């Protein structure tokens, strides 16, 4: 949940998918993960109340790729979390197509510079693992992120709530 203060929602330039487009075009395992995931309702209720009390809209960006096993698990879970919340209060965009560089020198970025979306190699996004789920407030200011997986013994919705409570 590293703080990247120079990152803003407006830094997203690539074409994205919404959750419906993602689910229509995802691998069967991702669709199954979406159908199987049941977010913790008490946490969902707490996020909903928190957002309403703050009169906030949360903008969420997931960056990943369909070849990535963790993306096929956690992107559908994030969609399920969003579906359980007030959809007018949670904007979700999905940016897929990140490609790994086959050969790289030590210290070099993993992502293929010309085959991946530009956000994958933009230092502002500081993308090191996928999926990375970024959270922004209604003004488009960066709040925090979940990198690859929720913390140990946590869920996406619990980590999301922690970010919101800490940053809003």
N, C-alpha and C. Protein backbone atom coordinates (compact mmCIF):
# COMPACT_ATOMS: atom_id res chain seq x y z
N UNK A 1 0.82 -1.19 0.00
CA UNK A 1 0.00 0.00 0.00
C UNK A 1 0.86 1.25 0.00
N UNK A 2 1.89 1.24 -0.78
CA UNK A 2 2.83 2.34 -0.89
C UNK A 2 2.13 3.60 -1.40
N UNK A 3 2.51 4.73 -0.86
CA UNK A 3 1.93 6.01 -1.25
C UNK A 3 2.69 6.57 -2.45
N UNK A 4 1.98 6.81 -3.54
CA UNK A 4 2.54 7.40 -4.74
C UNK A 4 1.80 8.71 -4.98
N UNK A 5 2.25 9.77 -4.32
CA UNK A 5 1.50 11.03 -4.30
C UNK A 5 1.41 11.71 -5.65
N UNK A 6 2.34 11.44 -6.55
CA UNK A 6 2.30 12.11 -7.85
C UNK A 6 1.33 11.43 -8.83
N UNK A 7 0.75 10.33 -8.45
CA UNK A 7 -0.17 9.61 -9.32
C UNK A 7 -1.58 10.18 -9.19
N UNK A 8 -2.23 10.38 -10.34
CA UNK A 8 -3.61 10.88 -10.37
C UNK A 8 -4.43 10.06 -11.37
N UNK A 9 -5.72 10.04 -11.16
CA UNK A 9 -6.65 9.33 -12.04
C UNK A 9 -6.44 9.78 -13.48
N UNK A 10 -6.15 11.06 -13.68
CA UNK A 10 -5.98 11.60 -15.04
C UNK A 10 -4.71 11.08 -15.72
N UNK A 11 -3.82 10.42 -14.98
CA UNK A 11 -2.64 9.82 -15.59
C UNK A 11 -2.99 8.58 -16.41
N UNK A 12 -4.17 8.04 -16.22
CA UNK A 12 -4.64 6.88 -16.98
C UNK A 12 -5.02 7.36 -18.38
N UNK A 13 -4.31 6.87 -19.39
CA UNK A 13 -4.53 7.31 -20.77
C UNK A 13 -5.04 6.19 -21.67
N UNK A 14 -4.77 4.95 -21.32
CA UNK A 14 -5.11 3.82 -22.18
C UNK A 14 -6.60 3.51 -22.12
N UNK A 15 -7.07 2.85 -23.16
CA UNK A 15 -8.45 2.37 -23.18
C UNK A 15 -8.60 1.27 -22.14
N UNK A 16 -9.69 1.31 -21.40
CA UNK A 16 -9.93 0.34 -20.34
C UNK A 16 -11.23 -0.42 -20.60
N UNK A 17 -11.44 -1.44 -19.80
CA UNK A 17 -12.69 -2.21 -19.83
C UNK A 17 -13.49 -1.88 -18.58
N UNK A 18 -14.80 -2.01 -18.69
CA UNK A 18 -15.61 -1.99 -17.48
C UNK A 18 -15.77 -3.44 -17.01
N UNK A 19 -16.43 -3.63 -15.89
CA UNK A 19 -16.53 -4.98 -15.33
C UNK A 19 -17.31 -5.93 -16.25
N UNK A 20 -18.34 -5.43 -16.90
CA UNK A 20 -19.12 -6.28 -17.80
C UNK A 20 -18.26 -6.76 -18.98
N UNK A 21 -17.51 -5.85 -19.58
CA UNK A 21 -16.62 -6.22 -20.69
C UNK A 21 -15.56 -7.22 -20.23
N UNK A 22 -15.02 -6.99 -19.05
CA UNK A 22 -14.02 -7.92 -18.52
C UNK A 22 -14.61 -9.32 -18.36
N UNK A 23 -15.76 -9.41 -17.73
CA UNK A 23 -16.36 -10.73 -17.47
C UNK A 23 -16.76 -11.43 -18.77
N UNK A 24 -17.22 -10.67 -19.75
CA UNK A 24 -17.59 -11.26 -21.04
C UNK A 24 -16.39 -11.81 -21.80
N UNK A 25 -15.21 -11.26 -21.54
CA UNK A 25 -14.02 -11.64 -22.29
C UNK A 25 -12.97 -12.37 -21.46
N UNK A 26 -13.31 -12.72 -20.24
CA UNK A 26 -12.32 -13.34 -19.35
C UNK A 26 -12.25 -14.85 -19.56
N UNK A 27 -11.20 -15.42 -19.01
CA UNK A 27 -11.04 -16.87 -19.02
C UNK A 27 -12.10 -17.51 -18.13
N UNK A 28 -12.48 -18.75 -18.39
CA UNK A 28 -13.50 -19.42 -17.56
C UNK A 28 -13.14 -19.42 -16.07
N UNK A 29 -11.86 -19.55 -15.74
CA UNK A 29 -11.46 -19.56 -14.33
C UNK A 29 -11.76 -18.22 -13.67
N UNK A 30 -11.57 -17.13 -14.39
CA UNK A 30 -11.86 -15.81 -13.83
C UNK A 30 -13.36 -15.64 -13.59
N UNK A 31 -14.14 -16.08 -14.54
CA UNK A 31 -15.60 -16.01 -14.38
C UNK A 31 -16.05 -16.86 -13.19
N UNK A 32 -15.46 -18.05 -13.06
CA UNK A 32 -15.79 -18.92 -11.92
C UNK A 32 -15.39 -18.26 -10.60
N UNK A 33 -14.23 -17.61 -10.58
CA UNK A 33 -13.79 -16.91 -9.37
C UNK A 33 -14.73 -15.77 -9.01
N UNK A 34 -15.25 -15.08 -10.02
CA UNK A 34 -16.24 -14.02 -9.77
C UNK A 34 -17.50 -14.62 -9.15
N UNK A 35 -17.99 -15.69 -9.74
CA UNK A 35 -19.23 -16.30 -9.25
C UNK A 35 -19.07 -16.89 -7.85
N UNK A 36 -17.89 -17.40 -7.54
CA UNK A 36 -17.65 -18.07 -6.26
C UNK A 36 -17.36 -17.11 -5.10
N UNK A 37 -16.89 -15.91 -5.41
CA UNK A 37 -16.43 -15.03 -4.33
C UNK A 37 -17.61 -14.36 -3.61
N UNK A 38 -17.60 -14.46 -2.31
CA UNK A 38 -18.62 -13.82 -1.47
C UNK A 38 -17.89 -12.86 -0.52
N UNK A 39 -17.93 -11.56 -0.81
CA UNK A 39 -17.27 -10.60 0.07
C UNK A 39 -17.92 -10.60 1.46
N UNK A 40 -17.15 -10.20 2.45
CA UNK A 40 -17.65 -10.10 3.82
C UNK A 40 -18.64 -8.94 3.89
N UNK A 41 -19.90 -9.28 4.12
CA UNK A 41 -20.97 -8.27 4.06
C UNK A 41 -20.80 -7.18 5.11
N UNK A 42 -20.27 -7.55 6.29
CA UNK A 42 -20.08 -6.52 7.33
C UNK A 42 -19.02 -5.50 6.90
N UNK A 43 -18.03 -5.94 6.14
CA UNK A 43 -17.00 -5.02 5.64
C UNK A 43 -17.58 -4.18 4.51
N UNK A 44 -18.35 -4.81 3.64
CA UNK A 44 -19.02 -4.07 2.55
C UNK A 44 -19.92 -2.98 3.14
N UNK A 45 -20.68 -3.32 4.16
CA UNK A 45 -21.55 -2.32 4.80
C UNK A 45 -20.74 -1.17 5.40
N UNK A 46 -19.59 -1.51 5.98
CA UNK A 46 -18.74 -0.47 6.58
C UNK A 46 -18.15 0.44 5.50
N UNK A 47 -17.72 -0.14 4.38
CA UNK A 47 -17.22 0.68 3.26
C UNK A 47 -18.32 1.58 2.75
N UNK A 48 -19.50 1.02 2.54
CA UNK A 48 -20.64 1.79 2.03
C UNK A 48 -20.96 2.98 2.94
N UNK A 49 -21.03 2.73 4.23
CA UNK A 49 -21.33 3.79 5.20
C UNK A 49 -20.21 4.83 5.21
N UNK A 50 -18.99 4.38 5.18
CA UNK A 50 -17.85 5.29 5.20
C UNK A 50 -17.87 6.22 3.99
N UNK A 51 -18.10 5.66 2.82
CA UNK A 51 -18.15 6.46 1.58
C UNK A 51 -19.31 7.44 1.62
N UNK A 52 -20.47 6.97 2.09
CA UNK A 52 -21.64 7.85 2.19
C UNK A 52 -21.40 8.98 3.18
N UNK A 53 -20.85 8.65 4.35
CA UNK A 53 -20.58 9.67 5.37
C UNK A 53 -19.60 10.73 4.87
N UNK A 54 -18.64 10.33 4.08
CA UNK A 54 -17.63 11.25 3.54
C UNK A 54 -18.11 11.93 2.25
N UNK A 55 -19.29 11.51 1.76
CA UNK A 55 -19.81 12.01 0.48
C UNK A 55 -18.75 11.87 -0.61
N UNK A 56 -18.23 10.68 -0.68
CA UNK A 56 -17.10 10.39 -1.56
C UNK A 56 -17.49 9.46 -2.69
N UNK A 57 -16.75 9.51 -3.76
CA UNK A 57 -16.82 8.56 -4.86
C UNK A 57 -15.42 7.98 -4.98
N UNK A 58 -15.32 6.67 -5.05
CA UNK A 58 -14.02 6.01 -5.14
C UNK A 58 -13.81 5.55 -6.58
N UNK A 59 -12.70 5.97 -7.13
CA UNK A 59 -12.31 5.55 -8.48
C UNK A 59 -11.27 4.44 -8.30
N UNK A 60 -11.52 3.34 -9.00
CA UNK A 60 -10.67 2.15 -8.83
C UNK A 60 -10.15 1.70 -10.19
N UNK A 61 -8.86 1.41 -10.23
CA UNK A 61 -8.23 0.93 -11.45
C UNK A 61 -7.52 -0.38 -11.14
N UNK A 62 -7.79 -1.40 -11.95
CA UNK A 62 -7.06 -2.66 -11.85
C UNK A 62 -6.18 -2.78 -13.09
N UNK A 63 -4.88 -2.97 -12.88
CA UNK A 63 -3.96 -3.21 -13.99
C UNK A 63 -3.50 -4.66 -13.89
N UNK A 64 -3.60 -5.39 -15.01
CA UNK A 64 -3.21 -6.79 -15.00
C UNK A 64 -3.11 -7.37 -16.39
N UNK A 65 -3.27 -8.68 -16.46
CA UNK A 65 -3.19 -9.41 -17.73
C UNK A 65 -3.91 -10.74 -17.58
N UNK A 66 -4.48 -11.23 -18.69
CA UNK A 66 -5.22 -12.49 -18.61
C UNK A 66 -4.32 -13.71 -18.42
N UNK A 67 -3.01 -13.58 -18.69
CA UNK A 67 -2.09 -14.71 -18.50
C UNK A 67 -1.68 -14.88 -17.03
N UNK A 68 -2.01 -13.93 -16.20
CA UNK A 68 -1.56 -13.90 -14.80
C UNK A 68 -2.54 -14.62 -13.88
N UNK A 69 -2.11 -15.69 -13.19
CA UNK A 69 -3.01 -16.42 -12.29
C UNK A 69 -3.61 -15.54 -11.18
N UNK A 70 -2.81 -14.67 -10.57
CA UNK A 70 -3.33 -13.80 -9.51
C UNK A 70 -4.36 -12.81 -10.05
N UNK A 71 -4.19 -12.37 -11.29
CA UNK A 71 -5.17 -11.48 -11.92
C UNK A 71 -6.50 -12.19 -12.11
N UNK A 72 -6.44 -13.48 -12.48
CA UNK A 72 -7.67 -14.25 -12.68
C UNK A 72 -8.40 -14.55 -11.38
N UNK A 73 -7.72 -14.36 -10.26
CA UNK A 73 -8.34 -14.52 -8.94
C UNK A 73 -8.83 -13.18 -8.41
N UNK A 74 -7.95 -12.18 -8.38
CA UNK A 74 -8.24 -10.95 -7.66
C UNK A 74 -9.01 -9.89 -8.45
N UNK A 75 -8.88 -9.87 -9.76
CA UNK A 75 -9.71 -8.93 -10.54
C UNK A 75 -11.18 -9.29 -10.41
N UNK A 76 -11.57 -10.56 -10.56
CA UNK A 76 -12.98 -10.91 -10.35
C UNK A 76 -13.46 -10.61 -8.93
N UNK A 77 -12.60 -10.80 -7.95
CA UNK A 77 -12.98 -10.48 -6.57
C UNK A 77 -13.25 -8.98 -6.41
N UNK A 78 -12.39 -8.15 -7.03
CA UNK A 78 -12.61 -6.70 -6.94
C UNK A 78 -13.92 -6.32 -7.60
N UNK A 79 -14.24 -6.97 -8.70
CA UNK A 79 -15.53 -6.70 -9.38
C UNK A 79 -16.68 -7.09 -8.47
N UNK A 80 -16.56 -8.22 -7.81
CA UNK A 80 -17.61 -8.68 -6.90
C UNK A 80 -17.79 -7.69 -5.74
N UNK A 81 -16.68 -7.18 -5.20
CA UNK A 81 -16.74 -6.17 -4.14
C UNK A 81 -17.47 -4.94 -4.65
N UNK A 82 -17.08 -4.48 -5.81
CA UNK A 82 -17.72 -3.30 -6.40
C UNK A 82 -19.22 -3.55 -6.64
N UNK A 83 -19.57 -4.74 -7.10
CA UNK A 83 -20.98 -5.06 -7.36
C UNK A 83 -21.81 -5.05 -6.09
N UNK A 84 -21.20 -5.33 -4.96
CA UNK A 84 -21.93 -5.34 -3.68
C UNK A 84 -22.08 -3.94 -3.10
N UNK A 85 -21.27 -2.99 -3.58
CA UNK A 85 -21.34 -1.61 -3.11
C UNK A 85 -22.28 -0.81 -4.00
N UNK A 86 -22.51 0.44 -3.64
CA UNK A 86 -23.30 1.36 -4.44
C UNK A 86 -22.50 1.69 -5.70
N UNK A 87 -22.93 1.18 -6.85
CA UNK A 87 -22.17 1.32 -8.09
C UNK A 87 -21.99 2.78 -8.52
N UNK A 88 -22.86 3.67 -8.08
CA UNK A 88 -22.69 5.08 -8.40
C UNK A 88 -21.55 5.68 -7.60
N UNK A 89 -21.17 5.02 -6.51
CA UNK A 89 -20.11 5.54 -5.63
C UNK A 89 -18.75 4.88 -5.87
N UNK A 90 -18.72 3.86 -6.72
CA UNK A 90 -17.47 3.16 -7.02
C UNK A 90 -17.32 3.05 -8.53
N UNK A 91 -16.39 3.81 -9.08
CA UNK A 91 -16.08 3.71 -10.50
C UNK A 91 -14.95 2.69 -10.65
N UNK A 92 -15.11 1.74 -11.56
CA UNK A 92 -14.10 0.70 -11.74
C UNK A 92 -13.69 0.63 -13.21
N UNK A 93 -12.38 0.73 -13.43
CA UNK A 93 -11.82 0.55 -14.77
C UNK A 93 -10.77 -0.55 -14.69
N UNK A 94 -10.70 -1.34 -15.74
CA UNK A 94 -9.77 -2.47 -15.80
C UNK A 94 -8.88 -2.27 -17.02
N UNK A 95 -7.57 -2.28 -16.79
CA UNK A 95 -6.59 -2.12 -17.85
C UNK A 95 -5.76 -3.40 -17.92
N UNK A 96 -6.00 -4.17 -18.96
CA UNK A 96 -5.28 -5.43 -19.14
C UNK A 96 -4.33 -5.32 -20.32
N UNK A 97 -3.52 -6.34 -20.49
CA UNK A 97 -2.60 -6.37 -21.62
C UNK A 97 -1.15 -6.17 -21.23
N UNK A 98 -0.84 -6.24 -19.94
CA UNK A 98 0.55 -6.11 -19.51
C UNK A 98 1.33 -7.34 -20.00
N UNK A 99 2.46 -7.09 -20.59
CA UNK A 99 3.33 -8.17 -21.12
C UNK A 99 4.66 -8.15 -20.39
N UNK A 100 5.18 -9.34 -20.14
CA UNK A 100 6.47 -9.48 -19.47
C UNK A 100 7.58 -9.44 -20.51
N UNK A 101 8.67 -8.80 -20.16
CA UNK A 101 9.87 -8.77 -20.99
C UNK A 101 10.55 -10.12 -20.87
N UNK A 102 10.80 -10.80 -21.96
CA UNK A 102 11.41 -12.13 -21.92
C UNK A 102 12.84 -12.08 -21.40
N UNK A 103 13.60 -11.12 -21.86
CA UNK A 103 14.99 -10.99 -21.44
C UNK A 103 15.16 -9.59 -20.86
N UNK A 104 15.74 -9.52 -19.67
CA UNK A 104 15.97 -8.22 -19.07
C UNK A 104 17.24 -8.25 -18.22
N UNK A 105 17.81 -7.08 -18.07
CA UNK A 105 19.00 -6.93 -17.25
C UNK A 105 18.58 -6.73 -15.80
N UNK A 106 19.47 -7.05 -14.88
CA UNK A 106 19.19 -6.87 -13.46
C UNK A 106 18.80 -5.41 -13.20
N UNK A 107 17.72 -5.24 -12.44
CA UNK A 107 17.25 -3.91 -12.11
C UNK A 107 16.32 -3.28 -13.13
N UNK A 108 16.17 -3.92 -14.28
CA UNK A 108 15.31 -3.41 -15.34
C UNK A 108 13.86 -3.76 -15.04
N UNK A 109 12.94 -2.95 -15.52
CA UNK A 109 11.50 -3.22 -15.34
C UNK A 109 11.12 -4.54 -16.00
N UNK A 110 10.16 -5.23 -15.38
CA UNK A 110 9.67 -6.50 -15.91
C UNK A 110 8.85 -6.34 -17.18
N UNK A 111 8.14 -5.25 -17.29
CA UNK A 111 7.12 -5.12 -18.31
C UNK A 111 7.70 -4.68 -19.65
N UNK A 112 7.21 -5.30 -20.70
CA UNK A 112 7.65 -5.00 -22.06
C UNK A 112 7.21 -3.58 -22.41
N UNK A 113 8.15 -2.74 -22.74
CA UNK A 113 7.89 -1.31 -22.92
C UNK A 113 6.96 -1.02 -24.09
N UNK A 114 7.11 -1.71 -25.20
CA UNK A 114 6.30 -1.39 -26.38
C UNK A 114 5.06 -2.25 -26.52
N UNK A 115 5.02 -3.41 -25.87
CA UNK A 115 3.86 -4.29 -26.01
C UNK A 115 2.86 -4.14 -24.87
N UNK A 116 3.26 -3.55 -23.76
CA UNK A 116 2.37 -3.32 -22.62
C UNK A 116 1.72 -1.94 -22.74
N UNK A 117 0.60 -1.72 -22.05
CA UNK A 117 0.06 -0.37 -22.01
C UNK A 117 1.10 0.57 -21.39
N UNK A 118 1.13 1.83 -21.80
CA UNK A 118 2.15 2.75 -21.28
C UNK A 118 2.12 2.89 -19.76
N UNK A 119 0.98 2.69 -19.14
CA UNK A 119 0.89 2.79 -17.69
C UNK A 119 1.76 1.75 -16.98
N UNK A 120 1.99 0.62 -17.64
CA UNK A 120 2.79 -0.46 -17.04
C UNK A 120 4.24 -0.03 -16.84
N UNK A 121 4.73 0.87 -17.65
CA UNK A 121 6.11 1.30 -17.53
C UNK A 121 6.24 2.76 -17.08
N UNK A 122 5.13 3.42 -16.85
CA UNK A 122 5.13 4.80 -16.35
C UNK A 122 5.55 4.78 -14.89
N UNK A 123 6.63 5.48 -14.53
CA UNK A 123 7.09 5.46 -13.14
C UNK A 123 6.04 5.94 -12.14
N UNK A 124 5.11 6.76 -12.57
CA UNK A 124 4.06 7.23 -11.65
C UNK A 124 3.24 6.06 -11.11
N UNK A 125 3.00 5.06 -11.94
CA UNK A 125 2.19 3.91 -11.51
C UNK A 125 3.00 2.92 -10.67
N UNK A 126 4.32 2.97 -10.79
CA UNK A 126 5.22 2.11 -10.01
C UNK A 126 4.71 0.67 -9.98
N UNK A 127 4.41 0.14 -11.16
CA UNK A 127 3.84 -1.20 -11.29
C UNK A 127 4.96 -2.24 -11.21
N UNK A 128 4.93 -3.05 -10.16
CA UNK A 128 5.94 -4.09 -9.97
C UNK A 128 5.37 -5.49 -10.04
N UNK A 129 4.11 -5.64 -9.66
CA UNK A 129 3.43 -6.94 -9.71
C UNK A 129 2.00 -6.71 -10.16
N UNK A 130 1.42 -7.74 -10.74
CA UNK A 130 0.02 -7.64 -11.16
C UNK A 130 -0.78 -8.77 -10.53
N UNK A 131 -2.06 -8.53 -10.31
CA UNK A 131 -2.74 -7.26 -10.51
C UNK A 131 -2.33 -6.25 -9.44
N UNK A 132 -2.41 -5.00 -9.81
CA UNK A 132 -2.33 -3.92 -8.83
C UNK A 132 -3.65 -3.17 -8.94
N UNK A 133 -4.28 -2.99 -7.78
CA UNK A 133 -5.56 -2.30 -7.69
C UNK A 133 -5.30 -0.95 -7.04
N UNK A 134 -5.53 0.12 -7.81
CA UNK A 134 -5.30 1.49 -7.35
C UNK A 134 -6.62 2.12 -6.93
N UNK A 135 -6.58 2.91 -5.87
CA UNK A 135 -7.77 3.62 -5.39
C UNK A 135 -7.50 5.12 -5.41
N UNK A 136 -8.49 5.87 -5.92
CA UNK A 136 -8.42 7.32 -6.01
C UNK A 136 -9.70 7.91 -5.42
N UNK A 137 -9.64 9.15 -4.94
CA UNK A 137 -10.85 9.81 -4.44
C UNK A 137 -11.59 10.46 -5.60
N UNK A 138 -12.69 11.15 -5.30
CA UNK A 138 -13.52 11.73 -6.36
C UNK A 138 -12.80 12.81 -7.15
N UNK A 139 -11.78 13.46 -6.54
CA UNK A 139 -10.99 14.45 -7.26
C UNK A 139 -9.91 13.80 -8.13
N UNK A 140 -9.75 12.48 -8.00
CA UNK A 140 -8.76 11.77 -8.80
C UNK A 140 -7.40 11.67 -8.13
N UNK A 141 -7.33 11.99 -6.84
CA UNK A 141 -6.07 11.90 -6.11
C UNK A 141 -5.87 10.47 -5.60
N UNK A 142 -4.65 10.01 -5.72
CA UNK A 142 -4.29 8.65 -5.32
C UNK A 142 -4.43 8.47 -3.82
N UNK A 143 -5.06 7.34 -3.44
CA UNK A 143 -5.25 7.00 -2.02
C UNK A 143 -4.35 5.84 -1.58
N UNK A 144 -4.23 4.83 -2.42
CA UNK A 144 -3.45 3.65 -2.05
C UNK A 144 -3.70 2.54 -3.04
N UNK A 145 -3.12 1.38 -2.76
CA UNK A 145 -3.27 0.26 -3.69
C UNK A 145 -3.08 -1.07 -2.99
N UNK A 146 -3.58 -2.07 -3.66
CA UNK A 146 -3.36 -3.46 -3.28
C UNK A 146 -2.49 -4.06 -4.38
N UNK A 147 -1.36 -4.62 -3.99
CA UNK A 147 -0.41 -5.17 -4.97
C UNK A 147 -0.49 -6.69 -4.95
N UNK A 148 -0.89 -7.25 -6.07
CA UNK A 148 -0.95 -8.68 -6.34
C UNK A 148 -2.04 -9.40 -5.54
N UNK A 149 -1.95 -9.38 -4.24
CA UNK A 149 -2.92 -10.07 -3.37
C UNK A 149 -3.19 -9.21 -2.13
N UNK A 150 -4.34 -9.43 -1.50
CA UNK A 150 -4.54 -8.76 -0.20
C UNK A 150 -3.49 -9.25 0.79
N UNK A 151 -3.33 -8.49 1.87
CA UNK A 151 -2.40 -8.91 2.92
C UNK A 151 -2.77 -10.31 3.42
N UNK A 152 -1.83 -10.98 4.05
CA UNK A 152 -2.08 -12.31 4.61
C UNK A 152 -3.23 -12.22 5.61
N UNK A 153 -4.14 -13.18 5.55
CA UNK A 153 -5.32 -13.24 6.42
C UNK A 153 -6.24 -12.04 6.26
N UNK A 154 -6.27 -11.47 5.07
CA UNK A 154 -7.13 -10.34 4.78
C UNK A 154 -7.88 -10.60 3.48
N UNK A 155 -8.77 -9.70 3.14
CA UNK A 155 -9.52 -9.78 1.89
C UNK A 155 -9.37 -8.46 1.15
N UNK A 156 -9.76 -8.45 -0.10
CA UNK A 156 -9.71 -7.22 -0.89
C UNK A 156 -10.55 -6.14 -0.23
N UNK A 157 -11.74 -6.50 0.23
CA UNK A 157 -12.61 -5.49 0.84
C UNK A 157 -12.03 -4.97 2.16
N UNK A 158 -11.36 -5.81 2.93
CA UNK A 158 -10.75 -5.35 4.18
C UNK A 158 -9.58 -4.41 3.89
N UNK A 159 -8.75 -4.77 2.91
CA UNK A 159 -7.63 -3.90 2.55
C UNK A 159 -8.14 -2.58 1.96
N UNK A 160 -9.20 -2.64 1.17
CA UNK A 160 -9.79 -1.42 0.60
C UNK A 160 -10.28 -0.52 1.73
N UNK A 161 -10.99 -1.06 2.69
CA UNK A 161 -11.50 -0.28 3.81
C UNK A 161 -10.36 0.36 4.58
N UNK A 162 -9.30 -0.37 4.79
CA UNK A 162 -8.13 0.17 5.52
C UNK A 162 -7.54 1.36 4.77
N UNK A 163 -7.41 1.25 3.45
CA UNK A 163 -6.88 2.35 2.64
C UNK A 163 -7.79 3.56 2.76
N UNK A 164 -9.09 3.34 2.62
CA UNK A 164 -10.04 4.46 2.67
C UNK A 164 -10.01 5.15 4.02
N UNK A 165 -10.00 4.38 5.10
CA UNK A 165 -10.00 4.98 6.44
C UNK A 165 -8.71 5.74 6.71
N UNK A 166 -7.62 5.26 6.16
CA UNK A 166 -6.32 5.90 6.40
C UNK A 166 -6.18 7.19 5.57
N UNK A 167 -6.72 7.18 4.36
CA UNK A 167 -6.43 8.27 3.42
C UNK A 167 -7.56 9.29 3.22
N UNK A 168 -8.79 8.97 3.63
CA UNK A 168 -9.89 9.93 3.43
C UNK A 168 -10.19 10.70 4.70
